[in-house]
């Protein structure tokens, strides 16, 4: 008996020893982990073994445990060319974590809704296909608002981050080599469409011309997997959100390098475009207070000063007075750092190290003024200059009277 046949025999013996006529995906994963085996796709992809999604028939099993039996493993060998299902004439798919994982996100206890959250939540709850584009500065809660809207509505959520290298195969699916056999694996877009999930394409302006493969998807109509020849009809509830730091027109100031100018025909397929701003001051203070509570460093005064500091920097940035901003995410990072070290100025300093020396020094100096009790109006007021003293005309000693 070959090594492969021996491994497969051990797997069959293991599932028979469970004493059940069926075995679940989780039980298979446990058996593989305990016996140092690869996932038995040769078993789970065999249509004759399937009872329903995630449940498989145990060969030669009964309702009670029975001793291991010898099975002719030559009959279990999967051919190099994958057979098609006679009933549907479709190639069997590789099962991925997206097929077996609970895709409903967990509600984040510290989340405070603001901005476009109510609109996003209404779209998620509607179960309608309604693609939306959300733009705004990095770290202001765009993606989290979609995720938490799905958590609130108990909707499945699939998120993929775009990169310049992301291509059609990464999005829709491709053939992959598994155990010497070519198998089809759905991409996240296809999986979300099959399951009627909410799809979030994060940082969509990092994608290049390959985004044209999504134009049919953004119409909510059946789309073709060209390499497989299968027509995918999205399940009810499927919709698409896209997030970006730009509106698909590129970044003129260089703050968001490698973002692309997106095709106008592609952008036209989004029903609405939302501009996500920073949270209002009162809301952001509530966010930071909750984060401080979660790291056991409750300090309302520190939360108020951090938010005031960030607000002054953002207003100065908007007026062209500085080149960087402090995002809500950066404030949360400061809180997390403070939770570890217990030193406020150290936490702020460490989280400002990503900026150049001049910017860091300027921001640190500004915080010391906030901490000393300076008001927003005082901090934003232009610097006072001393009036120039013009000396009185004096007679020139060299000129005789």
Protein backbone atom coordinates (compact mmCIF):
# COMPACT_ATOMS: atom_id res chain seq x y z
CA UNK A 1 0.00 0.00 0.00
CA UNK A 2 1.41 3.45 -0.96
CA UNK A 3 2.01 6.17 1.62
CA UNK A 4 -0.93 8.20 0.28
CA UNK A 5 -3.25 5.18 0.45
CA UNK A 6 -2.03 4.44 3.97
CA UNK A 7 -2.78 8.02 5.08
CA UNK A 8 -6.25 7.85 3.58
CA UNK A 9 -6.88 4.51 5.27
CA UNK A 10 -5.90 6.02 8.62
CA UNK A 11 -8.34 8.87 8.04
CA UNK A 12 -11.18 6.48 7.16
CA UNK A 13 -10.44 4.41 10.28
CA UNK A 14 -10.44 7.56 12.40
CA UNK A 15 -13.86 8.77 11.26
CA UNK A 16 -15.34 5.25 11.58
CA UNK A 17 -14.07 5.10 15.17
CA UNK A 18 -16.28 8.11 16.00
CA UNK A 19 -19.22 5.70 15.96
CA UNK A 20 -21.52 7.92 13.92
CA UNK A 21 -22.90 7.44 10.41
CA UNK A 22 -21.88 11.03 9.60
CA UNK A 23 -18.93 13.31 10.30
CA UNK A 24 -18.85 17.14 10.34
CA UNK A 25 -16.28 19.56 8.96
CA UNK A 26 -15.20 20.49 12.49
CA UNK A 27 -14.68 16.83 13.41
CA UNK A 28 -12.61 16.34 10.26
CA UNK A 29 -10.43 19.34 11.16
CA UNK A 30 -9.90 17.93 14.66
CA UNK A 31 -8.95 14.50 13.33
CA UNK A 32 -6.49 16.02 10.87
CA UNK A 33 -4.90 18.17 13.59
CA UNK A 34 -4.56 15.24 15.99
CA UNK A 35 -3.08 12.94 13.35
CA UNK A 36 -0.94 15.51 11.54
CA UNK A 37 -2.85 15.08 8.27
CA UNK A 38 -3.64 17.51 5.49
CA UNK A 39 -7.30 18.31 4.94
CA UNK A 40 -8.84 15.32 3.04
CA UNK A 41 -10.21 17.15 0.02
CA UNK A 42 -10.25 13.78 -1.77
CA UNK A 43 -12.97 12.80 0.73
CA UNK A 44 -14.94 16.06 1.18
CA UNK A 45 -15.06 16.86 -2.55
CA UNK A 46 -16.48 13.44 -3.40
CA UNK A 47 -20.19 14.01 -4.06
CA UNK A 48 -21.11 10.50 -2.89
CA UNK A 49 -19.81 11.34 0.59
CA UNK A 50 -21.87 14.51 1.04
CA UNK A 51 -25.05 14.53 3.11
CA UNK A 52 -25.44 18.31 3.25
CA UNK A 53 -23.20 21.36 3.67
CA UNK A 54 -20.54 20.57 6.25
CA UNK A 55 -21.81 17.00 6.90
CA UNK A 56 -20.40 13.87 5.25
CA UNK A 57 -21.33 10.18 5.14
CA UNK A 58 -18.91 7.78 6.85
CA UNK A 59 -18.10 4.81 4.56
CA UNK A 60 -19.22 1.46 6.03
CA UNK A 61 -20.38 3.07 9.30
CA UNK A 62 -23.25 2.08 11.58
CA UNK A 63 -25.00 3.82 14.45
CA UNK A 64 -22.48 2.43 16.94
CA UNK A 65 -18.70 2.31 16.88
CA UNK A 66 -17.19 -0.62 15.06
CA UNK A 67 -13.64 -1.75 14.50
CA UNK A 68 -11.63 -0.33 11.64
CA UNK A 69 -12.21 -2.01 8.31
CA UNK A 70 -9.96 -2.31 5.31
CA UNK A 71 -11.12 -0.35 2.28
CA UNK A 72 -9.72 -0.56 -1.21
CA UNK A 73 -8.08 2.87 -1.43
CA UNK A 74 -7.52 2.49 -5.17
CA UNK A 75 -11.22 3.18 -5.57
CA UNK A 76 -10.81 6.43 -3.56
CA UNK A 77 -8.06 7.99 -5.69
CA UNK A 78 -9.13 11.31 -7.23
CA UNK A 79 -8.20 11.60 -10.92
CA UNK A 80 -6.12 14.52 -12.18
CA UNK A 81 -9.08 15.83 -14.17
CA UNK A 82 -11.85 16.65 -11.73
CA UNK A 83 -15.17 14.97 -12.66
CA UNK A 84 -18.27 17.13 -12.91
CA UNK A 85 -21.51 16.56 -11.06
CA UNK A 86 -23.86 14.71 -13.38
CA UNK A 87 -26.92 16.45 -11.98
CA UNK A 88 -25.79 20.05 -12.41
CA UNK A 89 -22.78 19.74 -14.70
CA UNK A 90 -20.76 22.03 -12.38
CA UNK A 91 -17.20 21.58 -11.22
CA UNK A 92 -17.02 20.85 -7.51
CA UNK A 93 -15.64 23.78 -5.49
CA UNK A 94 -12.93 23.72 -2.86
CA UNK A 95 -14.47 24.49 0.51
CA UNK A 96 -12.88 27.55 2.16
CA UNK A 97 -13.20 29.18 5.56
CA UNK A 98 -15.71 31.63 4.10
CA UNK A 99 -18.01 28.65 3.48
CA UNK A 100 -17.81 27.30 7.04
CA UNK A 101 -17.19 30.37 9.22
CA UNK A 102 -19.94 32.45 10.80
CA UNK A 103 -19.66 35.63 8.72
CA UNK A 104 -21.84 37.76 11.00
CA UNK A 105 -19.37 40.14 12.72
CA UNK A 106 -19.23 40.54 16.49
CA UNK A 107 -20.55 43.83 17.84
CA UNK A 108 -17.73 46.02 19.19
CA UNK A 109 -18.73 47.19 22.65
CA UNK A 110 -16.85 50.50 22.36
CA UNK A 111 -18.38 51.49 19.03
CA UNK A 112 -20.17 54.86 19.01
CA UNK A 113 -22.23 55.48 15.86
CA UNK A 114 -21.85 58.83 14.09
CA UNK A 115 -21.85 60.40 10.67
CA UNK A 116 -23.41 58.21 7.98
CA UNK A 117 -24.01 55.21 10.25
CA UNK A 118 -27.81 55.45 10.21
CA UNK A 119 -27.87 55.54 6.40
CA UNK A 120 -25.40 52.66 6.15
CA UNK A 121 -27.46 50.69 8.66
CA UNK A 122 -30.66 51.34 6.69
CA UNK A 123 -29.04 50.05 3.49
CA UNK A 124 -27.77 46.92 5.26
CA UNK A 125 -31.18 46.22 6.81
CA UNK A 126 -33.05 46.74 3.53
CA UNK A 127 -31.63 43.48 2.07
CA UNK A 128 -31.58 45.27 -1.30
CA UNK A 129 -28.75 45.51 -3.78
CA UNK A 130 -27.58 49.10 -3.30
CA UNK A 131 -23.84 49.67 -3.93
CA UNK A 132 -22.37 52.63 -2.05
CA UNK A 133 -18.99 54.42 -2.15
CA UNK A 134 -17.63 55.94 1.10
CA UNK A 135 -14.62 58.27 1.02
CA UNK A 136 -12.74 60.04 3.80
CA UNK A 137 -9.47 60.40 5.67
CA UNK A 138 -7.68 57.30 6.91
CA UNK A 139 -8.66 56.22 10.42
CA UNK A 140 -12.05 57.90 10.66
CA UNK A 141 -14.20 54.76 10.90
CA UNK A 142 -15.42 54.10 7.34
CA UNK A 143 -14.99 50.33 7.30
CA UNK A 144 -15.97 49.90 10.94
CA UNK A 145 -19.30 51.64 10.34
CA UNK A 146 -20.19 49.02 7.70
CA UNK A 147 -19.00 46.13 9.86
CA UNK A 148 -20.92 47.33 12.91
CA UNK A 149 -24.06 47.97 10.85
CA UNK A 150 -23.85 44.32 9.78
CA UNK A 151 -23.30 43.23 13.40
CA UNK A 152 -26.37 45.18 14.47
CA UNK A 153 -28.52 43.71 11.69
CA UNK A 154 -27.05 40.17 12.06
CA UNK A 155 -25.97 40.24 8.41
CA UNK A 156 -23.07 38.30 6.87
CA UNK A 157 -20.07 40.53 6.17
CA UNK A 158 -17.18 39.81 3.79
CA UNK A 159 -14.32 42.34 3.56
CA UNK A 160 -11.40 42.35 1.12
CA UNK A 161 -8.60 44.92 0.98
CA UNK A 162 -7.42 46.01 -2.45
CA UNK A 163 -3.75 46.32 -3.40
CA UNK A 164 -2.12 47.25 -6.71
CA UNK A 165 -1.52 43.51 -7.25
CA UNK A 166 -5.11 42.40 -6.62
CA UNK A 167 -6.48 40.88 -9.82
CA UNK A 168 -9.66 39.31 -11.14
CA UNK A 169 -8.68 35.87 -9.85
CA UNK A 170 -8.22 37.21 -6.30
CA UNK A 171 -11.68 38.75 -6.43
CA UNK A 172 -13.82 36.22 -8.32
CA UNK A 173 -11.93 32.94 -7.97
CA UNK A 174 -9.42 30.71 -9.70
CA UNK A 175 -8.16 27.17 -10.11
CA UNK A 176 -5.68 26.09 -7.45
CA UNK A 177 -3.44 23.03 -7.19
CA UNK A 178 -4.39 20.84 -4.21
CA UNK A 179 -2.91 17.39 -3.64
CA UNK A 180 -1.86 17.24 -7.27
CA UNK A 181 -5.35 18.13 -8.55
CA UNK A 182 -6.66 21.35 -10.04
CA UNK A 183 -9.62 22.53 -7.96
CA UNK A 184 -11.80 25.65 -8.22
CA UNK A 185 -11.80 28.07 -5.29
CA UNK A 186 -14.30 30.94 -5.13
CA UNK A 187 -12.96 34.44 -4.45
CA UNK A 188 -14.53 36.63 -1.74
CA UNK A 189 -16.74 38.50 -4.22
CA UNK A 190 -18.24 35.26 -5.52
CA UNK A 191 -18.63 33.83 -2.01
CA UNK A 192 -20.44 36.96 -0.82
CA UNK A 193 -22.74 36.83 -3.86
CA UNK A 194 -23.56 33.15 -3.31
CA UNK A 195 -24.35 33.71 0.37
CA UNK A 196 -26.25 36.99 0.02
CA UNK A 197 -23.68 38.75 2.21
CA UNK A 198 -22.64 42.40 2.50
CA UNK A 199 -19.37 42.81 0.59
CA UNK A 200 -16.94 45.57 1.60
CA UNK A 201 -14.13 46.37 -0.84
CA UNK A 202 -11.69 48.30 1.35
CA UNK A 203 -9.23 50.82 -0.16
CA UNK A 204 -10.82 50.35 -3.56
CA UNK A 205 -8.80 53.19 -5.08
CA UNK A 206 -5.65 51.04 -4.72
CA UNK A 207 -7.05 48.74 -7.41
CA UNK A 208 -5.98 49.19 -10.98
CA UNK A 209 -7.68 48.48 -14.31
CA UNK A 210 -8.64 44.97 -13.16
CA UNK A 211 -11.60 46.55 -11.34
CA UNK A 212 -13.49 46.42 -14.63
CA UNK A 213 -14.15 42.77 -13.80
CA UNK A 214 -16.51 44.02 -11.08
CA UNK A 215 -18.67 46.20 -13.29
CA UNK A 216 -21.23 43.44 -13.84
CA UNK A 217 -21.14 42.64 -10.12
CA UNK A 218 -21.94 46.29 -9.33
CA UNK A 219 -25.09 46.04 -11.42
CA UNK A 220 -26.48 43.33 -9.16
CA UNK A 221 -27.02 41.03 -12.12
CA UNK A 222 -25.75 37.49 -12.77
CA UNK A 223 -22.03 37.56 -13.57
CA UNK A 224 -19.83 35.01 -15.31
CA UNK A 225 -16.86 33.15 -13.89
CA UNK A 226 -15.03 33.10 -17.20
CA UNK A 227 -12.39 30.53 -16.27
CA UNK A 228 -15.00 28.12 -14.95
CA UNK A 229 -17.89 28.88 -17.27
CA UNK A 230 -20.37 29.29 -14.41
CA UNK A 231 -23.00 32.01 -14.20
CA UNK A 232 -23.38 33.33 -10.64
CA UNK A 233 -26.78 34.72 -9.67
CA UNK A 234 -26.38 36.77 -6.46
CA UNK A 235 -28.52 35.57 -3.57
CA UNK A 236 -31.06 37.98 -2.01
CA UNK A 237 -29.39 40.44 0.35
CA UNK A 238 -26.13 40.71 -1.56
CA UNK A 239 -24.81 44.27 -1.82
CA UNK A 240 -21.49 46.11 -2.11
CA UNK A 241 -19.81 48.89 -0.14
CA UNK A 242 -16.53 50.44 -1.26
CA UNK A 243 -14.28 52.55 0.97
CA UNK A 244 -11.44 54.81 -0.11
CA UNK A 245 -9.38 57.81 0.99
CA UNK A 246 -10.17 59.54 -2.30
CA UNK A 247 -13.21 59.72 -4.58
CA UNK A 248 -11.44 57.69 -7.23
CA UNK A 249 -9.68 60.73 -8.68
CA UNK A 250 -6.22 60.04 -7.28
CA UNK A 251 -4.32 61.95 -4.60
CA UNK A 252 -2.96 65.31 -5.76
CA UNK A 253 -1.20 66.17 -2.50
CA UNK A 254 0.62 62.83 -2.25
CA UNK A 255 -0.89 61.93 1.12
CA UNK A 256 -2.38 58.73 -0.30
CA UNK A 257 0.31 57.47 -2.63
CA UNK A 258 -0.45 54.72 -5.17
CA UNK A 259 -4.15 55.49 -5.23
CA UNK A 260 -5.55 55.35 -8.76
CA UNK A 261 -7.87 57.39 -10.90
CA UNK A 262 -10.81 55.02 -11.29
CA UNK A 263 -12.77 54.56 -14.48
CA UNK A 264 -15.81 56.85 -14.69
CA UNK A 265 -18.02 53.99 -15.91
CA UNK A 266 -16.99 52.02 -12.83
CA UNK A 267 -17.72 54.90 -10.40
CA UNK A 268 -21.05 55.57 -12.09
CA UNK A 269 -22.37 52.19 -10.89
CA UNK A 270 -22.41 53.25 -7.23
CA UNK A 271 -25.85 54.55 -6.24
CA UNK A 272 -24.62 56.97 -3.54
CA UNK A 273 -21.31 58.45 -2.47
CA UNK A 274 -20.80 59.41 1.17
CA UNK A 275 -18.09 61.68 2.54
CA UNK A 276 -17.08 60.46 5.99
CA UNK A 277 -15.83 63.26 8.23
CA UNK A 278 -14.18 63.07 11.64
CA UNK A 279 -16.52 62.37 14.55
CA UNK A 280 -17.95 65.46 16.25
CA UNK A 281 -15.92 66.49 19.30
CA UNK A 282 -18.53 65.28 21.79
CA UNK A 283 -18.81 61.93 20.02
CA UNK A 284 -15.06 61.47 19.80
CA UNK A 285 -14.69 62.20 23.50
CA UNK A 286 -17.24 59.46 24.19
CA UNK A 287 -15.23 57.05 21.99
CA UNK A 288 -11.96 57.80 23.76
CA UNK A 289 -13.54 57.55 27.21
CA UNK A 290 -14.84 54.09 26.35
CA UNK A 291 -11.42 53.05 25.06
CA UNK A 292 -9.79 54.30 28.26
CA UNK A 293 -12.30 52.33 30.33
CA UNK A 294 -11.53 49.18 28.32
CA UNK A 295 -7.80 49.38 29.21
CA UNK A 296 -8.58 50.13 32.87
CA UNK A 297 -7.28 53.71 32.63
CA UNK A 298 -10.50 55.68 33.08
CA UNK A 299 -9.64 59.37 32.82
CA UNK A 300 -12.27 61.73 31.41
CA UNK A 301 -9.93 64.71 31.65
CA UNK A 302 -7.26 62.96 29.54
CA UNK A 303 -9.91 61.97 26.97
CA UNK A 304 -11.12 65.58 26.70
CA UNK A 305 -7.58 66.91 26.26
CA UNK A 306 -6.66 64.33 23.61
CA UNK A 307 -9.74 65.14 21.54
CA UNK A 308 -9.25 68.90 21.92
CA UNK A 309 -5.64 68.48 20.81
CA UNK A 310 -6.64 66.41 17.75
CA UNK A 311 -9.43 68.89 16.88
CA UNK A 312 -7.02 71.85 16.87
CA UNK A 313 -4.57 69.95 14.65
CA UNK A 314 -7.31 69.04 12.17
CA UNK A 315 -8.53 72.63 11.95
CA UNK A 316 -4.98 73.82 11.44
CA UNK A 317 -4.52 71.19 8.72
CA UNK A 318 -7.72 72.32 6.98
CA UNK A 319 -6.40 75.90 6.97
CA UNK A 320 -3.07 74.76 5.50
CA UNK A 321 -1.12 75.35 8.68
CA UNK A 322 0.31 71.80 8.94
CA UNK A 323 0.75 68.75 6.73
CA UNK A 324 -0.43 66.00 9.07
CA UNK A 325 -3.50 65.15 11.15
CA UNK A 326 -4.26 63.08 14.22
CA UNK A 327 -6.92 60.52 13.31
CA UNK A 328 -9.43 58.87 15.60
CA UNK A 329 -7.50 55.64 15.10
CA UNK A 330 -4.30 57.41 16.25
CA UNK A 331 -6.06 58.57 19.43
CA UNK A 332 -7.12 54.98 20.11
CA UNK A 333 -3.51 53.89 19.60
CA UNK A 334 -2.42 56.45 22.20
CA UNK A 335 -4.99 55.09 24.65
CA UNK A 336 -3.82 51.50 24.05
CA UNK A 337 -0.20 52.54 24.57
CA UNK A 338 -1.15 54.42 27.74
CA UNK A 339 -2.92 51.26 28.91
CA UNK A 340 0.36 49.34 28.68
CA UNK A 341 2.87 51.88 30.02
CA UNK A 342 0.71 54.12 32.22
CA UNK A 343 2.59 57.23 31.06
CA UNK A 344 0.57 59.77 29.06
CA UNK A 345 3.43 61.72 27.50
CA UNK A 346 5.31 58.53 26.64
CA UNK A 347 2.19 57.15 24.97
CA UNK A 348 1.71 60.33 22.93
CA UNK A 349 5.39 60.52 22.00
CA UNK A 350 5.57 56.88 20.85
CA UNK A 351 2.47 57.29 18.71
CA UNK A 352 3.87 60.44 17.10
CA UNK A 353 7.11 58.76 16.04
CA UNK A 354 5.65 58.01 12.62
CA UNK A 355 5.84 61.74 11.80
CA UNK A 356 8.97 63.70 10.92
CA UNK A 357 10.90 65.33 13.79
CA UNK A 358 9.57 68.85 13.23
CA UNK A 359 5.95 67.70 13.09
CA UNK A 360 6.36 65.52 16.16
CA UNK A 361 7.95 68.37 18.14
CA UNK A 362 5.21 70.77 17.06
CA UNK A 363 2.42 68.35 18.01
CA UNK A 364 4.02 67.56 21.38
CA UNK A 365 4.40 71.28 22.13
CA UNK A 366 0.76 71.83 21.22
CA UNK A 367 -0.36 69.06 23.57
CA UNK A 368 1.53 70.61 26.48
CA UNK A 369 -0.41 73.81 25.89
CA UNK A 370 -3.71 71.89 25.81
CA UNK A 371 -2.72 70.06 28.98
CA UNK A 372 -1.92 73.42 30.60
CA UNK A 373 -5.50 74.53 30.04
CA UNK A 374 -5.28 76.62 26.88
CA UNK A 375 -8.62 76.95 25.06
CA UNK A 376 -9.24 76.02 21.44
CA UNK A 377 -9.68 79.70 20.57
CA UNK A 378 -6.33 80.56 22.11
CA UNK A 379 -4.59 77.72 20.32
CA UNK A 380 -6.05 78.66 16.95
CA UNK A 381 -5.47 82.39 17.32
CA UNK A 382 -2.69 83.79 15.11
CA UNK A 383 0.51 84.60 17.01
CA UNK A 384 0.74 88.12 18.37
CA UNK A 385 3.58 90.20 16.99
CA UNK A 386 5.25 93.07 18.79
CA UNK A 387 4.68 96.44 17.08
CA UNK A 388 7.76 97.69 15.31
CA UNK A 389 9.39 100.62 17.09
CA UNK A 390 10.47 103.30 14.62
CA UNK A 391 13.28 105.48 16.05
CA UNK A 392 12.72 109.24 16.04
CA UNK A 393 14.65 111.26 13.49
CA UNK A 394 17.89 112.52 14.97
CA UNK A 395 20.11 115.20 13.52
CA UNK A 396 23.06 113.99 11.55
CA UNK A 397 26.20 114.97 13.44
CA UNK A 398 28.15 115.24 10.22
CA UNK A 399 25.91 117.97 8.87
CA UNK A 400 26.69 121.41 10.37
CA UNK A 401 23.84 123.67 11.34
